[in-house]
């Protein structure tokens, strides 16, 4: 009988606490058809601030040639930009650059940040892109919350999310 009661208490504890904590994330949407020019037209983006990595999923009306820049800004530290250049035949050039949109612009060419494990996967069929950056590439992994913004370019700015001047709310680390 004691085992039955202990088992019921353990089961109730799991049910009432919701089990293990899940990582923090934030999704934003953008209206289709609001781009300027012929580049990538954003429809949404989701950032997941996981313990060991940051994952950003970006959605478009369709996959066309253009550049994608995701600004990741940690609280109280200098951020980075995740850059992926997508060409007409689906090839990409991907890199991480120092400085988020929220950082002070020095006017100099941004420095490339060594980021072993940075991965980008485009899907023309969906049309989406997933960017995965190890946490160690952002302030050596020493951060709590981040905010983000997404910009597309093709011969100039094409589309911006969340709006033309801001960044997302803070997303705590999960």
Protein backbone atom coordinates (compact mmCIF):
# COMPACT_ATOMS: atom_id res chain seq x y z
CA UNK A 1 0.00 0.00 0.00
CA UNK A 2 2.87 2.38 0.83
CA UNK A 3 4.35 1.78 -2.65
CA UNK A 4 1.01 2.58 -4.27
CA UNK A 5 0.70 5.83 -2.30
CA UNK A 6 4.34 6.79 -3.05
CA UNK A 7 3.78 6.10 -6.75
CA UNK A 8 0.61 8.20 -6.79
CA UNK A 9 2.41 11.08 -5.05
CA UNK A 10 5.31 10.94 -7.54
CA UNK A 11 2.89 10.87 -10.49
CA UNK A 12 0.93 13.81 -9.08
CA UNK A 13 4.16 15.79 -8.60
CA UNK A 14 5.11 15.31 -12.25
CA UNK A 15 1.61 16.21 -13.49
CA UNK A 16 1.26 19.27 -11.25
CA UNK A 17 4.73 20.69 -12.01
CA UNK A 18 4.44 20.11 -15.74
CA UNK A 19 7.52 17.92 -15.95
CA UNK A 20 10.88 19.28 -17.10
CA UNK A 21 11.15 22.95 -18.04
CA UNK A 22 11.16 23.76 -21.72
CA UNK A 23 13.42 26.27 -23.42
CA UNK A 24 12.22 29.81 -23.92
CA UNK A 25 11.15 30.91 -27.38
CA UNK A 26 9.44 33.77 -29.16
CA UNK A 27 7.61 33.83 -32.50
CA UNK A 28 6.83 36.95 -34.52
CA UNK A 29 4.86 37.35 -37.74
CA UNK A 30 5.09 39.80 -40.64
CA UNK A 31 2.47 40.44 -43.33
CA UNK A 32 3.11 38.93 -46.76
CA UNK A 33 3.55 41.42 -49.58
CA UNK A 34 5.16 44.21 -47.54
CA UNK A 35 8.68 43.84 -48.92
CA UNK A 36 10.32 46.49 -51.02
CA UNK A 37 12.05 45.25 -54.17
CA UNK A 38 12.44 41.68 -55.36
CA UNK A 39 14.12 40.06 -52.36
CA UNK A 40 12.93 37.73 -49.63
CA UNK A 41 9.49 38.59 -48.21
CA UNK A 42 9.40 37.66 -44.50
CA UNK A 43 6.25 36.10 -43.02
CA UNK A 44 7.55 34.99 -39.63
CA UNK A 45 10.47 34.13 -37.38
CA UNK A 46 10.93 32.08 -34.21
CA UNK A 47 13.94 32.21 -31.90
CA UNK A 48 14.57 29.43 -29.39
CA UNK A 49 17.07 30.36 -26.68
CA UNK A 50 18.18 26.88 -25.69
CA UNK A 51 20.85 26.07 -23.13
CA UNK A 52 23.58 25.03 -25.57
CA UNK A 53 22.47 26.83 -28.74
CA UNK A 54 20.23 29.44 -30.29
CA UNK A 55 17.94 28.25 -33.07
CA UNK A 56 16.20 30.70 -35.41
CA UNK A 57 13.56 29.59 -37.94
CA UNK A 58 12.59 32.16 -40.57
CA UNK A 59 9.66 31.83 -42.99
CA UNK A 60 9.19 33.56 -46.36
CA UNK A 61 6.51 33.87 -49.02
CA UNK A 62 8.92 32.01 -51.33
CA UNK A 63 12.64 31.34 -51.57
CA UNK A 64 14.25 33.82 -53.94
CA UNK A 65 17.75 35.25 -54.21
CA UNK A 66 18.60 37.50 -51.28
CA UNK A 67 20.53 37.99 -48.08
CA UNK A 68 19.20 37.12 -44.63
CA UNK A 69 20.60 38.82 -41.53
CA UNK A 70 19.45 37.81 -38.04
CA UNK A 71 20.61 40.17 -35.29
CA UNK A 72 21.05 38.49 -31.90
CA UNK A 73 21.53 40.93 -29.03
CA UNK A 74 22.35 39.59 -25.53
CA UNK A 75 21.43 41.63 -22.49
CA UNK A 76 24.39 43.79 -21.31
CA UNK A 77 26.85 42.55 -23.96
CA UNK A 78 27.82 42.94 -27.60
CA UNK A 79 25.79 40.83 -30.02
CA UNK A 80 26.27 39.15 -33.38
CA UNK A 81 24.67 38.98 -36.80
CA UNK A 82 23.95 35.61 -38.41
CA UNK A 83 24.29 36.13 -42.16
CA UNK A 84 23.22 33.83 -44.98
CA UNK A 85 23.45 34.85 -48.62
CA UNK A 86 21.09 32.76 -50.77
CA UNK A 87 21.61 32.71 -54.55
CA UNK A 88 19.30 31.86 -57.46
CA UNK A 89 20.36 28.19 -57.58
CA UNK A 90 20.14 27.58 -53.83
CA UNK A 91 23.79 27.94 -52.85
CA UNK A 92 24.54 29.81 -49.64
CA UNK A 93 27.41 31.66 -48.05
CA UNK A 94 27.04 31.73 -44.26
CA UNK A 95 28.94 33.54 -41.50
CA UNK A 96 28.67 35.13 -38.08
CA UNK A 97 29.66 38.81 -37.79
CA UNK A 98 30.42 40.85 -34.66
CA UNK A 99 27.83 43.40 -33.57
CA UNK A 100 24.04 43.24 -33.46
CA UNK A 101 21.70 45.91 -34.83
CA UNK A 102 21.47 47.29 -31.28
CA UNK A 103 25.23 47.71 -30.84
CA UNK A 104 27.03 50.97 -31.50
CA UNK A 105 28.10 51.14 -35.16
CA UNK A 106 31.82 51.92 -35.42
CA UNK A 107 31.64 52.55 -39.17
CA UNK A 108 34.25 49.85 -39.78
CA UNK A 109 33.73 46.61 -41.69
CA UNK A 110 32.27 44.08 -39.20
CA UNK A 111 34.67 41.45 -37.97
CA UNK A 112 33.92 37.80 -38.63
CA UNK A 113 33.32 35.78 -35.43
CA UNK A 114 34.80 32.28 -35.39
CA UNK A 115 31.83 30.02 -34.72
CA UNK A 116 32.51 26.33 -35.04
CA UNK A 117 29.21 24.50 -35.38
CA UNK A 118 27.22 27.37 -36.94
CA UNK A 119 24.79 25.72 -39.38
CA UNK A 120 22.25 27.04 -41.86
CA UNK A 121 19.66 24.94 -43.72
CA UNK A 122 17.43 26.45 -46.43
CA UNK A 123 14.33 24.69 -47.72
CA UNK A 124 12.99 26.11 -50.99
CA UNK A 125 9.95 23.82 -50.76
CA UNK A 126 8.78 25.10 -47.36
CA UNK A 127 10.13 28.09 -47.90
CA UNK A 128 12.12 28.40 -44.66
CA UNK A 129 15.61 28.66 -43.29
CA UNK A 130 16.94 27.36 -39.97
CA UNK A 131 20.03 28.90 -38.40
CA UNK A 132 21.70 27.14 -35.48
CA UNK A 133 24.41 28.90 -33.49
CA UNK A 134 26.23 27.27 -30.57
CA UNK A 135 25.86 29.30 -27.36
CA UNK A 136 29.66 29.57 -27.11
CA UNK A 137 29.69 31.86 -30.19
CA UNK A 138 27.80 34.58 -28.28
CA UNK A 139 29.90 36.20 -25.51
CA UNK A 140 31.55 32.84 -24.87
CA UNK A 141 28.17 31.44 -23.81
CA UNK A 142 27.90 33.90 -20.90
CA UNK A 143 24.44 35.41 -21.41
CA UNK A 144 20.90 35.01 -20.12
CA UNK A 145 18.30 36.73 -22.28
CA UNK A 146 18.56 37.75 -25.94
CA UNK A 147 16.43 39.77 -28.32
CA UNK A 148 16.46 39.55 -32.09
CA UNK A 149 15.51 41.17 -35.35
CA UNK A 150 15.48 39.89 -38.93
CA UNK A 151 16.45 41.82 -42.07
CA UNK A 152 16.41 40.72 -45.70
CA UNK A 153 18.39 42.51 -48.41
CA UNK A 154 18.78 42.46 -52.17
CA UNK A 155 20.34 45.62 -53.57
CA UNK A 156 19.20 47.38 -50.38
CA UNK A 157 16.87 46.56 -47.49
CA UNK A 158 13.90 44.41 -48.54
CA UNK A 159 11.98 43.46 -45.38
CA UNK A 160 12.40 43.81 -41.61
CA UNK A 161 10.90 42.05 -38.60
CA UNK A 162 9.55 43.06 -36.06
CA UNK A 163 9.30 46.54 -37.57
CA UNK A 164 11.65 49.08 -39.12
CA UNK A 165 13.04 50.40 -35.83
CA UNK A 166 12.82 47.76 -33.15
CA UNK A 167 13.83 44.38 -31.89
CA UNK A 168 11.86 41.58 -30.29
CA UNK A 169 11.10 41.45 -26.59
CA UNK A 170 13.72 39.67 -24.46
CA UNK A 171 13.77 35.87 -24.73
CA UNK A 172 15.14 34.21 -21.56
CA UNK A 173 17.54 31.31 -21.84
CA UNK A 174 15.88 27.95 -21.38
